[in-house]
């Protein structure tokens, strides 16, 4: 099919063995309110609590989303 582009805009970081809907899961996503893309972190209760052990995975997810946001800004997919 032509005329469509797929954008990966979200990742979920959760403790091993926990489901993606766990209250300990952190969603890392690209948002864009027409003023340019930015990265949003969210958890079930709206607060972001970063456990030192999860930071390496969160950092990798954030860096991946920042690179993807830059590609979106540049018109790439």
N, C-alpha and C. Protein backbone atom coordinates (compact mmCIF):
# COMPACT_ATOMS: atom_id res chain seq x y z
N UNK A 1 0.84 -1.17 0.00
CA UNK A 1 0.00 0.00 0.00
C UNK A 1 0.90 1.24 0.00
N UNK A 2 0.58 2.21 -0.76
CA UNK A 2 1.39 3.43 -0.82
C UNK A 2 0.67 4.57 -0.12
N UNK A 3 1.43 5.60 0.20
CA UNK A 3 0.83 6.77 0.81
C UNK A 3 0.73 6.72 2.33
N UNK A 4 1.30 5.71 2.96
CA UNK A 4 1.25 5.60 4.42
C UNK A 4 2.65 5.46 4.98
N UNK A 5 2.86 5.97 6.19
CA UNK A 5 4.11 5.83 6.91
C UNK A 5 3.82 5.34 8.31
N UNK A 6 4.63 4.44 8.81
CA UNK A 6 4.47 3.94 10.17
C UNK A 6 5.43 4.68 11.08
N UNK A 7 4.92 5.19 12.20
CA UNK A 7 5.74 5.88 13.18
C UNK A 7 5.68 5.11 14.50
N UNK A 8 6.82 4.77 15.05
CA UNK A 8 6.87 4.16 16.37
C UNK A 8 7.00 5.32 17.36
N UNK A 9 6.00 5.49 18.22
CA UNK A 9 5.96 6.67 19.08
C UNK A 9 5.89 6.35 20.57
N UNK A 10 5.94 5.07 20.97
CA UNK A 10 5.86 4.76 22.40
C UNK A 10 6.60 3.47 22.74
N UNK A 11 7.12 3.45 23.96
CA UNK A 11 7.74 2.26 24.53
C UNK A 11 7.27 2.17 25.98
N UNK A 12 7.22 0.95 26.51
CA UNK A 12 6.88 0.76 27.92
C UNK A 12 8.03 0.03 28.58
N UNK A 13 8.49 0.59 29.71
CA UNK A 13 9.54 -0.02 30.51
C UNK A 13 8.89 -0.50 31.80
N UNK A 14 8.98 -1.80 32.06
CA UNK A 14 8.38 -2.38 33.26
C UNK A 14 9.34 -3.39 33.87
N UNK A 15 9.21 -3.62 35.17
CA UNK A 15 10.05 -4.64 35.79
C UNK A 15 9.82 -6.00 35.13
N UNK A 16 10.90 -6.79 35.04
CA UNK A 16 10.76 -8.13 34.46
C UNK A 16 9.66 -8.89 35.19
N UNK A 17 8.84 -9.58 34.42
CA UNK A 17 7.76 -10.38 34.98
C UNK A 17 6.49 -9.59 35.23
N UNK A 18 6.54 -8.27 35.09
CA UNK A 18 5.35 -7.45 35.29
C UNK A 18 4.69 -7.15 33.94
N UNK A 19 3.37 -7.09 33.91
CA UNK A 19 2.68 -6.78 32.65
C UNK A 19 2.82 -5.30 32.28
N UNK A 20 2.48 -4.98 31.05
CA UNK A 20 2.61 -3.59 30.60
C UNK A 20 1.64 -2.66 31.32
N UNK A 21 0.61 -3.20 31.94
CA UNK A 21 -0.34 -2.36 32.67
C UNK A 21 0.01 -2.24 34.16
N UNK A 22 1.18 -2.75 34.56
CA UNK A 22 1.63 -2.65 35.94
C UNK A 22 1.73 -1.19 36.37
N UNK A 23 1.42 -0.91 37.62
CA UNK A 23 1.56 0.47 38.12
C UNK A 23 3.02 0.88 38.18
N UNK A 24 3.94 -0.08 38.06
CA UNK A 24 5.37 0.22 38.02
C UNK A 24 5.87 0.45 36.59
N UNK A 25 5.02 0.25 35.61
CA UNK A 25 5.41 0.43 34.22
C UNK A 25 5.48 1.93 33.89
N UNK A 26 6.48 2.31 33.13
CA UNK A 26 6.65 3.69 32.71
C UNK A 26 6.53 3.74 31.19
N UNK A 27 5.66 4.60 30.70
CA UNK A 27 5.47 4.78 29.27
C UNK A 27 6.33 5.96 28.82
N UNK A 28 7.12 5.74 27.79
CA UNK A 28 7.98 6.76 27.18
C UNK A 28 7.43 6.97 25.79
N UNK A 29 6.95 8.18 25.51
CA UNK A 29 6.35 8.38 24.19
C UNK A 29 6.64 9.75 23.60
N UNK A 30 6.53 9.80 22.29
CA UNK A 30 6.67 11.06 21.57
C UNK A 30 5.28 11.67 21.47
N UNK A 31 5.18 12.91 21.87
CA UNK A 31 3.95 13.68 21.72
C UNK A 31 4.25 14.85 20.79
N UNK A 32 3.24 15.34 20.13
CA UNK A 32 3.42 16.50 19.26
C UNK A 32 2.10 17.24 19.20
N UNK A 33 2.06 18.40 19.81
CA UNK A 33 0.86 19.23 19.81
C UNK A 33 0.95 20.31 18.73
N UNK A 34 1.58 19.97 17.62
CA UNK A 34 1.75 20.83 16.45
C UNK A 34 2.82 21.90 16.65
N UNK A 35 3.54 21.86 17.77
CA UNK A 35 4.63 22.82 17.99
C UNK A 35 5.98 22.13 17.94
N UNK A 36 5.99 20.87 17.52
CA UNK A 36 7.21 20.08 17.47
C UNK A 36 7.17 18.97 18.49
N UNK A 37 7.82 17.86 18.20
CA UNK A 37 7.75 16.70 19.08
C UNK A 37 8.51 16.89 20.39
N UNK A 38 7.98 16.26 21.43
CA UNK A 38 8.65 16.23 22.73
C UNK A 38 8.40 14.87 23.35
N UNK A 39 9.17 14.52 24.38
CA UNK A 39 9.07 13.22 25.03
C UNK A 39 8.27 13.36 26.30
N UNK A 40 7.32 12.44 26.50
CA UNK A 40 6.50 12.44 27.70
C UNK A 40 6.68 11.11 28.43
N UNK A 41 6.89 11.18 29.73
CA UNK A 41 6.96 10.00 30.58
C UNK A 41 5.68 9.95 31.39
N UNK A 42 5.09 8.76 31.52
CA UNK A 42 3.88 8.66 32.33
C UNK A 42 3.80 7.30 32.99
N UNK A 43 3.11 7.29 34.12
CA UNK A 43 2.80 6.07 34.83
C UNK A 43 1.32 6.12 35.16
N UNK A 44 0.79 5.00 35.65
CA UNK A 44 -0.63 4.87 35.90
C UNK A 44 -1.21 6.01 36.72
N UNK A 45 -0.54 6.41 37.78
CA UNK A 45 -1.09 7.46 38.64
C UNK A 45 -0.63 8.86 38.26
N UNK A 46 0.05 8.98 37.13
CA UNK A 46 0.46 10.29 36.63
C UNK A 46 1.80 10.77 37.15
N UNK A 47 2.35 10.09 38.12
CA UNK A 47 3.64 10.48 38.66
C UNK A 47 4.72 9.58 38.08
N UNK A 48 5.89 10.14 37.87
CA UNK A 48 7.01 9.34 37.38
C UNK A 48 7.96 9.12 38.54
N UNK A 49 8.12 7.87 38.90
CA UNK A 49 9.05 7.49 39.95
C UNK A 49 10.10 6.60 39.30
N UNK A 50 11.34 7.01 39.35
CA UNK A 50 12.38 6.26 38.68
C UNK A 50 13.21 5.50 39.70
N UNK A 51 13.16 4.19 39.61
CA UNK A 51 13.99 3.33 40.44
C UNK A 51 15.38 3.30 39.83
N UNK A 52 16.42 3.43 40.63
CA UNK A 52 17.77 3.42 40.06
C UNK A 52 18.06 2.21 39.17
N UNK A 53 17.47 1.07 39.49
CA UNK A 53 17.71 -0.12 38.68
C UNK A 53 17.04 -0.04 37.31
N UNK A 54 15.97 0.74 37.19
CA UNK A 54 15.29 0.84 35.90
C UNK A 54 15.85 1.95 35.03
N UNK A 55 16.69 2.83 35.61
CA UNK A 55 17.18 3.97 34.85
C UNK A 55 17.87 3.59 33.54
N UNK A 56 18.76 2.58 33.50
CA UNK A 56 19.40 2.27 32.21
C UNK A 56 18.40 1.95 31.10
N UNK A 57 17.35 1.19 31.42
CA UNK A 57 16.34 0.86 30.41
C UNK A 57 15.53 2.10 30.03
N UNK A 58 15.16 2.91 31.02
CA UNK A 58 14.42 4.15 30.73
C UNK A 58 15.27 5.09 29.89
N UNK A 59 16.54 5.23 30.25
CA UNK A 59 17.44 6.11 29.48
C UNK A 59 17.51 5.66 28.03
N UNK A 60 17.65 4.34 27.81
CA UNK A 60 17.71 3.82 26.44
C UNK A 60 16.41 4.10 25.69
N UNK A 61 15.28 3.91 26.38
CA UNK A 61 13.98 4.17 25.74
C UNK A 61 13.83 5.64 25.40
N UNK A 62 14.22 6.51 26.33
CA UNK A 62 14.13 7.96 26.09
C UNK A 62 15.03 8.36 24.93
N UNK A 63 16.26 7.86 24.90
CA UNK A 63 17.17 8.19 23.81
C UNK A 63 16.64 7.70 22.47
N UNK A 64 16.02 6.51 22.46
CA UNK A 64 15.42 5.99 21.23
C UNK A 64 14.29 6.90 20.75
N UNK A 65 13.44 7.34 21.69
CA UNK A 65 12.31 8.21 21.32
C UNK A 65 12.79 9.59 20.88
N UNK A 66 13.84 10.11 21.50
CA UNK A 66 14.39 11.41 21.09
C UNK A 66 14.93 11.32 19.66
N UNK A 67 15.62 10.22 19.35
CA UNK A 67 16.12 10.04 17.97
C UNK A 67 14.96 9.92 16.99
N UNK A 68 13.91 9.20 17.39
CA UNK A 68 12.74 9.06 16.52
C UNK A 68 12.04 10.39 16.34
N UNK A 69 11.96 11.20 17.38
CA UNK A 69 11.34 12.53 17.28
C UNK A 69 12.14 13.41 16.34
N UNK A 70 13.47 13.30 16.40
CA UNK A 70 14.30 14.08 15.49
C UNK A 70 14.06 13.67 14.04
N UNK A 71 13.88 12.36 13.81
CA UNK A 71 13.58 11.88 12.45
C UNK A 71 12.23 12.41 11.99
N UNK A 72 11.24 12.45 12.89
CA UNK A 72 9.93 12.99 12.53
C UNK A 72 10.04 14.46 12.15
N UNK A 73 10.82 15.20 12.91
CA UNK A 73 11.02 16.62 12.63
C UNK A 73 11.66 16.82 11.26
N UNK A 74 12.57 15.90 10.93
CA UNK A 74 13.27 15.99 9.65
C UNK A 74 12.43 15.43 8.48
N UNK A 75 11.23 14.93 8.80
CA UNK A 75 10.37 14.40 7.75
C UNK A 75 10.66 12.96 7.39
N UNK A 76 11.46 12.29 8.20
CA UNK A 76 11.78 10.89 7.94
C UNK A 76 10.81 10.00 8.72
N UNK A 77 10.88 8.70 8.47
CA UNK A 77 10.05 7.77 9.23
C UNK A 77 10.90 6.81 10.01
